Amino acid sequence: MADSLLALTQLTEAAQIDNPWSWVVAGYTIVYGAMFGLTGWLWIRLSRIQRQLDDDA
C-alpha cells in the first residue's frame, strides 16, 4: 500500500497537478473502480460456486 502511495505521489509530482479538483476526481475514480472491481470479482466467484453446486446436485 505504501509503495503504491509513493508511486502515486511521484506520478502526480511528475504531472505537476496543482488543481485540487483533480485529486477529488482521482479519489472517486480509485474508490469506485475498487468497489466495482471487487463487486465484479465477487459476482464471478459466487456464480462459479453456484454452478458447481448445481452440477453436484
C-alpha atoms as a PDB file:
ATOM      1  CA  MET A   1       0.000   0.000   0.000  1.00  0.00           C
ATOM      2  CA  ALA A   2       2.787   2.389   0.928  1.00  0.00           C
ATOM      3  CA  ASP A   3       4.597   1.577  -2.304  1.00  0.00           C
ATOM      4  CA  SER A   4       1.553   2.423  -4.397  1.00  0.00           C
ATOM      5  CA  LEU A   5       1.062   5.696  -2.490  1.00  0.00           C
ATOM      6  CA  LEU A   6       4.703   6.596  -3.068  1.00  0.00           C
ATOM      7  CA  ALA A   7       4.364   5.768  -6.759  1.00  0.00           C
ATOM      8  CA  LEU A   8       1.181   7.859  -6.955  1.00  0.00           C
ATOM      9  CA  THR A   9       2.931  10.777  -5.245  1.00  0.00           C
ATOM     10  CA  GLN A  10       5.864  10.602  -7.658  1.00  0.00           C
ATOM     11  CA  LEU A  11       3.471  10.334 -10.590  1.00  0.00           C
ATOM     12  CA  THR A  12       1.500  13.419  -9.538  1.00  0.00           C
ATOM     13  CA  GLU A  13       4.695  15.389  -8.914  1.00  0.00           C
ATOM     14  CA  ALA A  14       5.843  14.473 -12.408  1.00  0.00           C
ATOM     15  CA  ALA A  15       2.470  15.531 -13.835  1.00  0.00           C
ATOM     16  CA  GLN A  16       2.548  18.813 -11.847  1.00  0.00           C
ATOM     17  CA  ILE A  17      -1.076  18.543 -10.687  1.00  0.00           C
ATOM     18  CA  ASP A  18      -1.969  21.774  -8.881  1.00  0.00           C
ATOM     19  CA  ASN A  19      -5.735  21.636  -9.309  1.00  0.00           C
ATOM     20  CA  PRO A  20      -7.362  20.254  -6.122  1.00  0.00           C
ATOM     21  CA  TRP A  21     -10.397  19.041  -8.080  1.00  0.00           C
ATOM     22  CA  SER A  22      -8.213  16.581  -9.971  1.00  0.00           C
ATOM     23  CA  TRP A  23      -7.421  14.988  -6.588  1.00  0.00           C
ATOM     24  CA  VAL A  24     -11.151  14.653  -5.896  1.00  0.00           C
ATOM     25  CA  VAL A  25     -11.759  13.083  -9.305  1.00  0.00           C
ATOM     26  CA  ALA A  26      -8.774  10.748  -8.868  1.00  0.00           C
ATOM     27  CA  GLY A  27     -10.016   9.742  -5.408  1.00  0.00           C
ATOM     28  CA  TYR A  28     -13.522   8.975  -6.625  1.00  0.00           C
ATOM     29  CA  THR A  29     -12.120   7.073  -9.620  1.00  0.00           C
ATOM     30  CA  ILE A  30      -9.933   4.904  -7.379  1.00  0.00           C
ATOM     31  CA  VAL A  31     -12.702   4.272  -4.818  1.00  0.00           C
ATOM     32  CA  TYR A  32     -15.428   3.483  -7.347  1.00  0.00           C
ATOM     33  CA  GLY A  33     -13.032   1.463  -9.503  1.00  0.00           C
ATOM     34  CA  ALA A  34     -12.080  -0.633  -6.492  1.00  0.00           C
ATOM     35  CA  MET A  35     -15.738  -1.093  -5.500  1.00  0.00           C
ATOM     36  CA  PHE A  36     -16.859  -2.136  -8.982  1.00  0.00           C
ATOM     37  CA  GLY A  37     -13.814  -4.364  -9.409  1.00  0.00           C
ATOM     38  CA  LEU A  38     -14.434  -6.108  -6.093  1.00  0.00           C
ATOM     39  CA  THR A  39     -18.147  -6.462  -6.822  1.00  0.00           C
ATOM     40  CA  GLY A  40     -17.439  -7.944 -10.245  1.00  0.00           C
ATOM     41  CA  TRP A  41     -14.873 -10.351  -8.820  1.00  0.00           C
ATOM     42  CA  LEU A  42     -17.292 -11.462  -6.081  1.00  0.00           C
ATOM     43  CA  TRP A  43     -20.097 -11.873  -8.631  1.00  0.00           C
ATOM     44  CA  ILE A  44     -17.924 -14.130 -10.803  1.00  0.00           C
ATOM     45  CA  ARG A  45     -16.727 -16.178  -7.824  1.00  0.00           C
ATOM     46  CA  LEU A  46     -20.260 -16.658  -6.473  1.00  0.00           C
ATOM     47  CA  SER A  47     -21.639 -17.619  -9.885  1.00  0.00           C
ATOM     48  CA  ARG A  48     -18.864 -20.223 -10.270  1.00  0.00           C
ATOM     49  CA  ILE A  49     -19.613 -21.651  -6.814  1.00  0.00           C
ATOM     50  CA  GLN A  50     -23.329 -21.728  -7.640  1.00  0.00           C
ATOM     51  CA  ARG A  51     -22.623 -23.518 -10.930  1.00  0.00           C
ATOM     52  CA  GLN A  52     -20.509 -26.133  -9.114  1.00  0.00           C
ATOM     53  CA  LEU A  53     -23.284 -26.659  -6.570  1.00  0.00           C
ATOM     54  CA  ASP A  54     -25.794 -27.093  -9.402  1.00  0.00           C
ATOM     55  CA  ASP A  55     -23.504 -29.615 -11.112  1.00  0.00           C
ATOM     56  CA  ASP A  56     -23.048 -31.586  -7.886  1.00  0.00           C
ATOM     57  CA  ALA A  57     -26.773 -31.766  -7.223  1.00  0.00           C
END
